Protein backbone atom coordinates (compact mmCIF):
# COMPACT_ATOMS: atom_id res chain seq x y z
CA MET A 1 24.83 -0.09 29.84
CA LYS A 2 23.41 3.33 29.39
CA THR A 3 19.47 4.12 30.01
CA TYR A 4 16.59 4.59 27.05
CA GLU A 5 13.09 5.25 26.11
CA SER A 6 11.11 3.52 23.26
CA VAL A 7 7.67 4.76 21.62
CA ILE A 8 6.66 2.76 19.61
CA ILE A 9 3.08 2.44 17.55
CA VAL A 10 1.73 -0.37 16.36
CA LYS A 11 -1.77 -0.45 14.69
CA PRO A 12 -4.55 -0.21 15.75
CA GLN A 13 -6.47 -3.34 14.29
CA LEU A 14 -4.22 -5.30 16.95
CA SER A 15 -6.51 -7.00 19.60
CA ASP A 16 -4.61 -6.64 23.34
CA THR A 17 -3.81 -10.27 22.65
CA GLU A 18 -2.16 -9.27 20.22
CA VAL A 19 -0.22 -5.95 21.74
CA GLY A 20 0.52 -8.19 24.82
CA GLN A 21 2.04 -10.96 22.46
CA PHE A 22 3.91 -8.19 19.96
CA VAL A 23 5.90 -6.20 23.74
CA THR A 24 6.89 -9.56 25.18
CA LYS A 25 8.57 -10.32 21.82
CA VAL A 26 10.05 -6.34 21.66
CA LYS A 27 10.85 -7.22 25.54
CA ASP A 28 12.61 -11.09 24.60
CA LEU A 29 14.66 -9.46 21.90
CA ILE A 30 16.59 -7.01 25.10
CA THR A 31 16.69 -9.72 27.10
CA LYS A 32 18.26 -12.09 24.69
CA ASN A 33 20.45 -9.47 23.83
CA ASN A 34 21.85 -8.59 27.54
CA GLY A 35 19.87 -6.10 28.16
CA GLU A 36 17.05 -5.33 30.68
CA VAL A 37 13.48 -3.55 31.22
CA THR A 38 13.73 -1.04 33.88
CA SER A 39 9.91 -0.29 32.94
CA GLU A 40 6.54 -0.67 30.24
CA GLU A 41 3.24 1.82 29.68
CA LYS A 42 0.60 1.06 27.95
CA LEU A 43 -0.60 3.94 26.11
CA GLY A 44 -3.68 2.79 25.11
CA ARG A 45 -5.43 4.08 21.41
CA ARG A 46 -5.17 7.86 20.74
CA LYS A 47 -5.91 9.75 17.87
CA PHE A 48 -3.33 11.30 15.14
CA THR A 49 -3.14 14.10 14.17
CA HIS A 50 -2.24 13.17 10.03
CA GLU A 51 -2.70 9.97 8.87
CA ILE A 52 0.43 7.71 8.93
CA ASN A 53 0.05 5.51 6.19
CA HIS A 54 -4.17 5.70 5.42
CA VAL A 55 -4.18 4.46 8.98
CA ARG A 56 -5.82 7.76 11.91
CA ASP A 57 -4.96 5.60 15.17
CA GLY A 58 -2.60 3.58 17.09
CA PHE A 59 -1.89 1.83 20.05
CA TYR A 60 0.93 3.57 22.20
CA LEU A 61 3.63 1.79 24.01
CA TYR A 62 6.49 2.99 26.42
CA LEU A 63 9.58 1.07 27.26
CA LYS A 64 12.24 2.14 29.20
CA PHE A 65 15.32 -0.59 29.34
CA LYS A 66 19.20 -0.81 29.72
CA ALA A 67 21.66 -1.77 27.23
CA GLU A 68 24.60 -1.40 25.16
CA PRO A 69 24.61 1.84 22.48
CA ALA A 70 25.51 -0.70 19.78
CA PHE A 71 21.63 -2.72 20.65
CA VAL A 72 19.60 0.25 19.76
CA LYS A 73 20.17 0.12 15.53
CA THR A 74 19.42 -3.68 16.54
CA LEU A 75 15.63 -3.19 17.56
CA GLU A 76 14.47 -0.35 15.29
CA GLU A 77 15.52 -2.50 12.86
CA ALA A 78 13.51 -5.50 13.74
CA LEU A 79 10.83 -2.30 14.41
CA LYS A 80 11.00 -1.37 11.55
CA LEU A 81 10.62 -5.01 10.05
CA ASN A 82 6.87 -5.79 12.11
CA GLU A 83 4.12 -4.62 10.01
CA ASN A 84 2.75 -4.35 13.04
CA VAL A 85 4.90 -1.15 13.65
CA LEU A 86 3.40 2.27 12.15
CA ARG A 87 5.90 4.69 13.57
CA SER A 88 8.89 3.28 16.23
CA MET A 89 11.45 6.27 18.38
CA THR A 90 13.77 5.37 20.74
CA MET A 91 16.42 7.62 22.77
CA ASN A 92 18.55 7.95 25.74
CA ALA A 93 17.17 8.42 28.48
CA LEU A 94 17.92 12.16 31.56
CA GLU A 95 18.82 11.05 34.47
CA ILE A 96 17.86 14.12 36.61
CA LYS A 97 20.11 13.82 40.29
CA ALA A 98 18.27 16.12 42.07
CA LYS A 99 20.08 19.15 44.02
CA PRO A 100 20.66 19.36 47.15
CA ALA A 101 17.93 22.25 49.13
CA HIS A 102 19.60 25.47 49.07
CA VAL A 103 18.91 26.12 53.03
CA LYS A 104 19.61 29.98 53.60
């Protein structure tokens, strides 16, 4: 399994409970496909520099999860079909390995 990061922007009209339900659905989709959610953050509402479908702001969500590479396509398709999602992006998470300190 690889580690992935997703940033999802949902419509600002959603209430906090609806956003919570949406996050739960996405996490359930990940776990049902043998994935594991390692972290999640609700980054809050933010204004866009340009309109997206006549909308000026959105609610940002961040998810970090482990899953098989084939699942990413399934997740992206599910997010595209959801009418509450304005934009989403899933990418490989870079795992930075700490180098030992150089001692002189």
